[in-house]
Amino acid sequence: MNPTSKRSNFEPLKRINSTAASTRQPPHPGYTLMELLCVIGIIGILAGLYLGVIARAFIYVTKFVNKFSGH
C-alpha cells in the first residue's frame, strides 16, 4: 500500500488572505457593554480619589484661613 494514496483524497488547505481579514469591518460599530462598564468604573475610581484630595485640601485651606483671620 502506497502512503501517498491516502493523502490524494484531501485537498490542500486554503490560506486566508491576511490583508482581507485585517480590513474587514465589524458588523456594527460601537462599544460593547463590558467596555463601557470598565470605563465607567475607572472614571468612578478616579473621581473618588480626586474628590478625596479636593475635600482634604478644602479642610486644610479653611483651617489656614481661619487661623490667620482671628476666628
N, C-alpha and C. Protein backbone atom coordinates (compact mmCIF):
# COMPACT_ATOMS: atom_id res chain seq x y z
N MET A 1 0.84 -1.18 0.00
CA MET A 1 0.00 0.00 0.00
C MET A 1 0.88 1.25 0.00
N ASN A 2 0.59 2.14 -0.87
CA ASN A 2 1.38 3.35 -1.04
C ASN A 2 0.87 4.42 -0.05
N PRO A 3 1.76 5.02 0.78
CA PRO A 3 1.30 6.02 1.75
C PRO A 3 0.77 7.29 1.11
N THR A 4 1.16 7.60 -0.09
CA THR A 4 0.66 8.83 -0.73
C THR A 4 -0.76 8.65 -1.25
N SER A 5 -1.23 7.43 -1.40
CA SER A 5 -2.58 7.22 -1.90
C SER A 5 -3.62 7.70 -0.89
N LYS A 6 -3.31 7.66 0.41
CA LYS A 6 -4.26 8.14 1.41
C LYS A 6 -4.37 9.66 1.37
N ARG A 7 -3.30 10.31 1.06
CA ARG A 7 -3.30 11.77 1.04
C ARG A 7 -3.94 12.34 -0.23
N SER A 8 -4.08 11.57 -1.25
CA SER A 8 -4.59 12.09 -2.51
C SER A 8 -6.06 12.49 -2.42
N ASN A 9 -6.78 12.00 -1.41
CA ASN A 9 -8.19 12.34 -1.28
C ASN A 9 -8.40 13.71 -0.63
N PHE A 10 -7.38 14.24 0.04
CA PHE A 10 -7.52 15.50 0.75
C PHE A 10 -7.07 16.66 -0.13
N GLU A 11 -7.82 17.74 -0.07
CA GLU A 11 -7.42 18.94 -0.78
C GLU A 11 -6.48 19.74 0.11
N PRO A 12 -5.54 20.46 -0.46
CA PRO A 12 -4.66 21.29 0.37
C PRO A 12 -5.46 22.41 1.04
N LEU A 13 -5.01 22.82 2.22
CA LEU A 13 -5.70 23.88 2.94
C LEU A 13 -5.54 25.21 2.22
N LYS A 14 -6.60 25.96 2.15
CA LYS A 14 -6.54 27.27 1.52
C LYS A 14 -6.06 28.28 2.56
N ARG A 15 -5.18 29.14 2.16
CA ARG A 15 -4.67 30.17 3.07
C ARG A 15 -5.60 31.36 3.06
N ILE A 16 -5.75 31.94 4.24
CA ILE A 16 -6.57 33.13 4.35
C ILE A 16 -5.71 34.33 4.03
N ASN A 17 -6.23 35.20 3.21
CA ASN A 17 -5.51 36.41 2.85
C ASN A 17 -5.50 37.32 4.07
N SER A 18 -4.32 37.58 4.63
CA SER A 18 -4.24 38.34 5.88
C SER A 18 -4.67 39.79 5.69
N THR A 19 -4.48 40.37 4.52
CA THR A 19 -4.89 41.76 4.31
C THR A 19 -6.40 41.86 4.24
N ALA A 20 -7.05 40.87 3.67
CA ALA A 20 -8.51 40.91 3.60
C ALA A 20 -9.11 40.72 4.98
N ALA A 21 -8.51 39.88 5.81
CA ALA A 21 -9.04 39.65 7.16
C ALA A 21 -8.84 40.86 8.04
N SER A 22 -7.76 41.60 7.85
CA SER A 22 -7.49 42.75 8.72
C SER A 22 -8.32 43.98 8.33
N THR A 23 -8.80 44.06 7.10
CA THR A 23 -9.57 45.22 6.67
C THR A 23 -11.07 44.98 6.81
N ARG A 24 -11.47 43.82 7.30
CA ARG A 24 -12.89 43.52 7.45
C ARG A 24 -13.49 44.41 8.54
N GLN A 25 -14.65 44.97 8.26
CA GLN A 25 -15.32 45.85 9.21
C GLN A 25 -16.17 45.01 10.16
N PRO A 26 -16.29 45.44 11.42
CA PRO A 26 -17.17 44.73 12.34
C PRO A 26 -18.62 44.87 11.90
N PRO A 27 -19.50 43.97 12.34
CA PRO A 27 -20.89 44.05 11.88
C PRO A 27 -21.60 45.33 12.30
N HIS A 28 -21.24 45.88 13.46
CA HIS A 28 -21.83 47.15 13.88
C HIS A 28 -20.79 47.92 14.69
N PRO A 29 -20.58 49.18 14.33
CA PRO A 29 -19.59 49.96 15.07
C PRO A 29 -20.13 50.33 16.44
N GLY A 30 -19.22 50.50 17.40
CA GLY A 30 -19.63 50.89 18.75
C GLY A 30 -18.83 50.12 19.78
N TYR A 31 -19.22 50.31 21.01
CA TYR A 31 -18.53 49.68 22.12
C TYR A 31 -19.41 48.59 22.72
N THR A 32 -18.77 47.59 23.30
CA THR A 32 -19.52 46.54 23.97
C THR A 32 -19.91 47.02 25.36
N LEU A 33 -20.83 46.32 25.97
CA LEU A 33 -21.28 46.68 27.31
C LEU A 33 -20.13 46.57 28.30
N MET A 34 -19.30 45.56 28.15
CA MET A 34 -18.19 45.37 29.07
C MET A 34 -17.20 46.53 28.98
N GLU A 35 -16.92 47.00 27.79
CA GLU A 35 -16.01 48.14 27.63
C GLU A 35 -16.58 49.39 28.29
N LEU A 36 -17.87 49.62 28.12
CA LEU A 36 -18.49 50.80 28.74
C LEU A 36 -18.48 50.70 30.25
N LEU A 37 -18.76 49.51 30.79
CA LEU A 37 -18.74 49.34 32.25
C LEU A 37 -17.34 49.53 32.82
N CYS A 38 -16.33 49.08 32.11
CA CYS A 38 -14.95 49.27 32.57
C CYS A 38 -14.59 50.75 32.59
N VAL A 39 -14.97 51.47 31.56
CA VAL A 39 -14.66 52.90 31.51
C VAL A 39 -15.39 53.65 32.63
N ILE A 40 -16.66 53.30 32.86
CA ILE A 40 -17.42 53.95 33.94
C ILE A 40 -16.79 53.64 35.29
N GLY A 41 -16.34 52.40 35.48
CA GLY A 41 -15.69 52.04 36.73
C GLY A 41 -14.39 52.79 36.95
N ILE A 42 -13.59 52.92 35.92
CA ILE A 42 -12.31 53.64 36.04
C ILE A 42 -12.57 55.12 36.34
N ILE A 43 -13.55 55.71 35.66
CA ILE A 43 -13.88 57.10 35.92
C ILE A 43 -14.37 57.27 37.36
N GLY A 44 -15.16 56.33 37.84
CA GLY A 44 -15.65 56.40 39.22
C GLY A 44 -14.53 56.33 40.23
N ILE A 45 -13.56 55.44 40.01
CA ILE A 45 -12.42 55.32 40.92
C ILE A 45 -11.60 56.60 40.91
N LEU A 46 -11.31 57.12 39.73
CA LEU A 46 -10.53 58.36 39.65
C LEU A 46 -11.27 59.54 40.27
N ALA A 47 -12.58 59.61 40.07
CA ALA A 47 -13.35 60.70 40.66
C ALA A 47 -13.34 60.60 42.18
N GLY A 48 -13.44 59.38 42.71
CA GLY A 48 -13.38 59.20 44.16
C GLY A 48 -12.06 59.64 44.74
N LEU A 49 -10.98 59.28 44.07
CA LEU A 49 -9.66 59.70 44.53
C LEU A 49 -9.51 61.23 44.45
N TYR A 50 -9.97 61.78 43.36
CA TYR A 50 -9.83 63.22 43.14
C TYR A 50 -10.66 64.02 44.13
N LEU A 51 -11.90 63.58 44.38
CA LEU A 51 -12.76 64.30 45.31
C LEU A 51 -12.24 64.20 46.75
N GLY A 52 -11.60 63.08 47.09
CA GLY A 52 -11.00 62.96 48.41
C GLY A 52 -9.88 63.95 48.61
N VAL A 53 -9.06 64.13 47.60
CA VAL A 53 -7.96 65.09 47.67
C VAL A 53 -8.50 66.51 47.76
N ILE A 54 -9.52 66.82 46.98
CA ILE A 54 -10.12 68.15 47.00
C ILE A 54 -10.73 68.44 48.38
N ALA A 55 -11.39 67.46 48.98
CA ALA A 55 -12.01 67.67 50.29
C ALA A 55 -10.96 67.93 51.36
N ARG A 56 -9.87 67.16 51.32
CA ARG A 56 -8.80 67.38 52.29
C ARG A 56 -8.14 68.74 52.10
N ALA A 57 -7.96 69.16 50.86
CA ALA A 57 -7.37 70.47 50.59
C ALA A 57 -8.30 71.59 51.06
N PHE A 58 -9.60 71.41 50.88
CA PHE A 58 -10.56 72.42 51.31
C PHE A 58 -10.53 72.57 52.84
N ILE A 59 -10.44 71.44 53.56
CA ILE A 59 -10.36 71.50 55.01
C ILE A 59 -9.07 72.19 55.44
N TYR A 60 -7.98 71.88 54.79
CA TYR A 60 -6.69 72.50 55.12
C TYR A 60 -6.72 74.01 54.88
N VAL A 61 -7.27 74.41 53.75
CA VAL A 61 -7.33 75.84 53.42
C VAL A 61 -8.25 76.57 54.41
N THR A 62 -9.36 75.95 54.76
CA THR A 62 -10.29 76.56 55.70
C THR A 62 -9.61 76.78 57.06
N LYS A 63 -8.89 75.77 57.54
CA LYS A 63 -8.17 75.91 58.81
C LYS A 63 -7.10 76.99 58.71
N PHE A 64 -6.41 77.04 57.59
CA PHE A 64 -5.34 78.02 57.38
C PHE A 64 -5.91 79.44 57.39
N VAL A 65 -7.02 79.64 56.68
CA VAL A 65 -7.63 80.98 56.60
C VAL A 65 -8.16 81.39 57.97
N ASN A 66 -8.81 80.46 58.67
CA ASN A 66 -9.37 80.79 59.99
C ASN A 66 -8.26 81.10 61.00
N LYS A 67 -7.12 80.46 60.84
CA LYS A 67 -6.01 80.70 61.76
C LYS A 67 -5.50 82.14 61.66
N PHE A 68 -5.42 82.66 60.45
CA PHE A 68 -4.88 84.00 60.25
C PHE A 68 -5.94 85.10 60.23
N SER A 69 -7.20 84.71 60.21
CA SER A 69 -8.24 85.74 60.22
C SER A 69 -8.71 86.08 61.63
N GLY A 70 -8.28 85.32 62.62
CA GLY A 70 -8.60 85.61 64.01
C GLY A 70 -9.85 84.94 64.52
N HIS A 71 -10.41 84.00 63.82
CA HIS A 71 -11.62 83.30 64.29
C HIS A 71 -11.29 82.21 65.23
